[in-house]
Amino acid sequence: MTHVTRAIALGTLIVGVLDGADAVIVSLMRGGSPTRMFRGIAAGWFGREAALSGGTVTAAAGVFFHFTIAFGVVAVYACAAAVLPPLRRRPLVYGPLYGLAVYAFMNLVVIPLSAIGPVQFSPSVNQVFAHVCLVGIPAALSVAWLGGWHDRREMSEDIHERSSVRQR
């Protein structure tokens, strides 16, 4: 397994688990259930009524789709980082921006083109937080740290250089 493949695999697992856990917690706080929440994800493929009337198999399909999306998110960042070195050197700068871009893309392109169809886009603090902190940053860090493109000292020297500039 190459460094990049390992970075994508681990990044997919981390992003999928963190984002999924956030969605489950929010669902539980709103009186829902993990099964219903993952059936909601499956609605993008099966349609809202079919997915929500489905059972455990439909929820399992939702888990599969959730991790497939997480894979796509991390793989796209890895491909971009292969040709744009700043993405690998500054994951804490570009990761949050990437998380916001993923959030916008999912809500403005993917969901409207899915079987769910167009919906009112209404950003929430939790969704923005989740995409910045639980999607963008972990995707960027996994690619930067595990991608094997640079010496880790380069990243720490870059961080040290920026902190010394701030102190002046």
Protein backbone atom coordinates (compact mmCIF):
# COMPACT_ATOMS: atom_id res chain seq x y z
CA MET A 1 0.00 0.00 0.00
CA THR A 2 1.45 3.38 -0.99
CA HIS A 3 1.63 6.33 1.36
CA VAL A 4 -1.12 8.14 -0.54
CA THR A 5 -3.40 5.08 -0.52
CA ARG A 6 -2.83 4.70 3.22
CA ALA A 7 -3.59 8.40 3.74
CA ILE A 8 -6.82 8.14 1.77
CA ALA A 9 -7.89 4.94 3.57
CA LEU A 10 -7.20 6.29 7.05
CA GLY A 11 -8.61 9.71 6.17
CA THR A 12 -11.80 8.07 4.90
CA LEU A 13 -12.18 6.14 8.14
CA ILE A 14 -11.53 9.21 10.31
CA VAL A 15 -13.78 11.56 8.33
CA GLY A 16 -16.54 8.97 8.04
CA VAL A 17 -16.53 8.14 11.74
CA LEU A 18 -16.27 11.75 12.98
CA ASP A 19 -18.91 13.15 10.63
CA GLY A 20 -21.17 10.13 11.14
CA ALA A 21 -20.86 10.39 14.94
CA ASP A 22 -21.77 14.08 14.78
CA ALA A 23 -24.81 13.32 12.64
CA VAL A 24 -25.92 10.51 14.97
CA ILE A 25 -25.56 12.74 18.05
CA VAL A 26 -27.55 15.56 16.43
CA SER A 27 -30.19 13.05 15.32
CA LEU A 28 -30.49 11.65 18.85
CA MET A 29 -30.73 15.17 20.32
CA ARG A 30 -33.65 15.86 17.95
CA GLY A 31 -35.47 12.68 18.99
CA GLY A 32 -34.38 10.64 15.97
CA SER A 33 -32.34 7.48 15.73
CA PRO A 34 -29.11 6.44 13.99
CA THR A 35 -31.11 4.08 11.76
CA ARG A 36 -33.43 6.84 10.60
CA MET A 37 -30.50 9.23 10.09
CA PHE A 38 -28.62 6.76 7.87
CA ARG A 39 -31.84 5.99 5.98
CA GLY A 40 -31.96 9.73 5.34
CA ILE A 41 -28.54 9.50 3.70
CA ALA A 42 -29.77 6.57 1.61
CA ALA A 43 -32.62 8.79 0.42
CA GLY A 44 -30.12 10.44 -1.91
CA TRP A 45 -30.06 7.23 -3.92
CA PHE A 46 -33.44 5.60 -3.26
CA GLY A 47 -35.62 8.68 -2.83
CA ARG A 48 -37.03 10.07 0.37
CA GLU A 49 -40.15 7.92 0.72
CA ALA A 50 -38.50 4.62 -0.22
CA ALA A 51 -35.53 5.20 2.09
CA LEU A 52 -37.52 6.35 5.09
CA SER A 53 -39.94 3.43 4.81
CA GLY A 54 -37.00 1.03 4.45
CA GLY A 55 -35.46 -0.89 7.29
CA THR A 56 -32.04 -1.95 8.46
CA VAL A 57 -30.82 -2.79 4.95
CA THR A 58 -31.62 0.74 3.81
CA ALA A 59 -29.79 2.16 6.86
CA ALA A 60 -26.78 -0.05 6.02
CA ALA A 61 -26.89 1.35 2.48
CA GLY A 62 -26.84 4.83 4.05
CA VAL A 63 -23.70 3.92 6.02
CA PHE A 64 -22.12 2.65 2.80
CA PHE A 65 -23.03 5.86 0.93
CA HIS A 66 -21.75 7.98 3.84
CA PHE A 67 -18.32 6.31 3.76
CA THR A 68 -18.26 6.42 -0.05
CA ILE A 69 -18.73 10.18 0.14
CA ALA A 70 -16.02 10.40 2.82
CA PHE A 71 -13.71 8.47 0.49
CA GLY A 72 -14.44 10.91 -2.34
CA VAL A 73 -13.80 13.89 -0.09
CA VAL A 74 -10.39 12.63 1.06
CA ALA A 75 -9.40 11.34 -2.39
CA VAL A 76 -10.17 14.71 -4.02
CA TYR A 77 -8.04 16.51 -1.42
CA ALA A 78 -5.21 14.00 -1.99
CA CYS A 79 -5.35 14.50 -5.77
CA ALA A 80 -5.35 18.27 -5.37
CA ALA A 81 -2.48 18.09 -2.85
CA ALA A 82 -0.44 16.08 -5.34
CA VAL A 83 -0.30 19.09 -7.66
CA LEU A 84 -0.68 21.95 -5.15
CA PRO A 85 2.08 21.71 -2.50
CA PRO A 86 0.56 24.36 -0.18
CA LEU A 87 -2.34 21.96 0.48
CA ARG A 88 0.13 19.48 1.99
CA ARG A 89 2.23 22.04 3.83
CA ARG A 90 -0.61 23.97 5.45
CA PRO A 91 -3.41 21.53 6.27
CA LEU A 92 -4.69 23.69 9.13
CA VAL A 93 -5.19 26.58 6.71
CA TYR A 94 -6.58 24.72 3.71
CA GLY A 95 -8.43 21.97 5.58
CA PRO A 96 -11.09 24.31 7.02
CA LEU A 97 -11.50 26.03 3.66
CA TYR A 98 -11.87 22.64 2.01
CA GLY A 99 -14.46 21.64 4.61
CA LEU A 100 -16.50 24.73 3.74
CA ALA A 101 -16.17 23.94 0.03
CA VAL A 102 -17.35 20.36 0.65
CA TYR A 103 -20.31 21.66 2.65
CA ALA A 104 -21.32 24.05 -0.13
CA PHE A 105 -20.82 21.40 -2.85
CA MET A 106 -22.90 18.81 -0.99
CA ASN A 107 -25.76 21.21 -0.32
CA LEU A 108 -25.77 23.16 -3.57
CA VAL A 109 -24.85 20.42 -6.07
CA VAL A 110 -25.00 16.85 -4.75
CA ILE A 111 -28.26 16.92 -2.78
CA PRO A 112 -30.24 18.85 -5.44
CA LEU A 113 -29.04 16.39 -8.12
CA SER A 114 -29.79 13.33 -5.96
CA ALA A 115 -33.11 11.53 -5.63
CA ILE A 116 -33.93 13.94 -2.78
CA GLY A 117 -34.06 16.82 -5.23
CA PRO A 118 -33.81 20.54 -4.56
CA VAL A 119 -34.30 21.57 -0.94
CA GLN A 120 -34.11 24.88 0.90
CA PHE A 121 -30.46 25.52 1.76
CA SER A 122 -30.35 26.65 5.39
CA PRO A 123 -26.88 26.46 6.93
CA SER A 124 -26.63 25.54 10.60
CA VAL A 125 -23.79 26.22 12.99
CA ASN A 126 -23.37 22.51 13.66
CA GLN A 127 -23.16 21.60 9.97
CA VAL A 128 -20.58 24.30 9.29
CA PHE A 129 -18.59 23.25 12.39
CA ALA A 130 -18.77 19.57 11.37
CA HIS A 131 -17.58 20.21 7.83
CA VAL A 132 -14.72 22.45 8.96
CA CYS A 133 -13.53 20.48 12.01
CA LEU A 134 -14.69 16.92 11.33
CA VAL A 135 -14.36 16.73 7.54
CA GLY A 136 -11.95 19.34 6.13
CA ILE A 137 -9.27 19.34 8.82
CA PRO A 138 -9.05 15.53 9.23
CA ALA A 139 -8.98 15.06 5.44
CA ALA A 140 -6.19 17.60 5.08
CA LEU A 141 -4.18 16.32 8.05
CA SER A 142 -4.37 12.69 6.94
CA VAL A 143 -3.15 13.60 3.47
CA ALA A 144 -0.43 15.95 4.77
CA TRP A 145 0.90 13.64 7.47
CA LEU A 146 0.51 10.26 5.80
CA GLY A 147 0.81 11.14 2.13
CA GLY A 148 4.59 10.75 2.10
CA TRP A 149 5.17 13.84 -0.02
CA HIS A 150 7.34 15.81 2.33
CA ASP A 151 9.45 15.64 5.40
CA ARG A 152 7.42 16.35 8.54
CA ARG A 153 10.16 18.78 9.56
CA GLU A 154 9.10 20.99 6.65
CA MET A 155 5.64 21.36 8.18
CA SER A 156 6.96 22.00 11.70
CA GLU A 157 9.51 24.52 10.37
CA ASP A 158 6.69 26.28 8.53
CA ILE A 159 4.61 26.42 11.74
CA HIS A 160 7.62 27.63 13.75
CA GLU A 161 8.38 30.31 11.14
CA ARG A 162 4.80 31.62 11.25
CA SER A 163 4.72 31.70 15.05
CA SER A 164 7.99 33.64 15.23
CA VAL A 165 6.66 36.18 12.71
CA ARG A 166 3.57 36.72 14.92
CA GLN A 167 5.75 37.35 17.97
CA ARG A 168 7.62 40.22 16.31
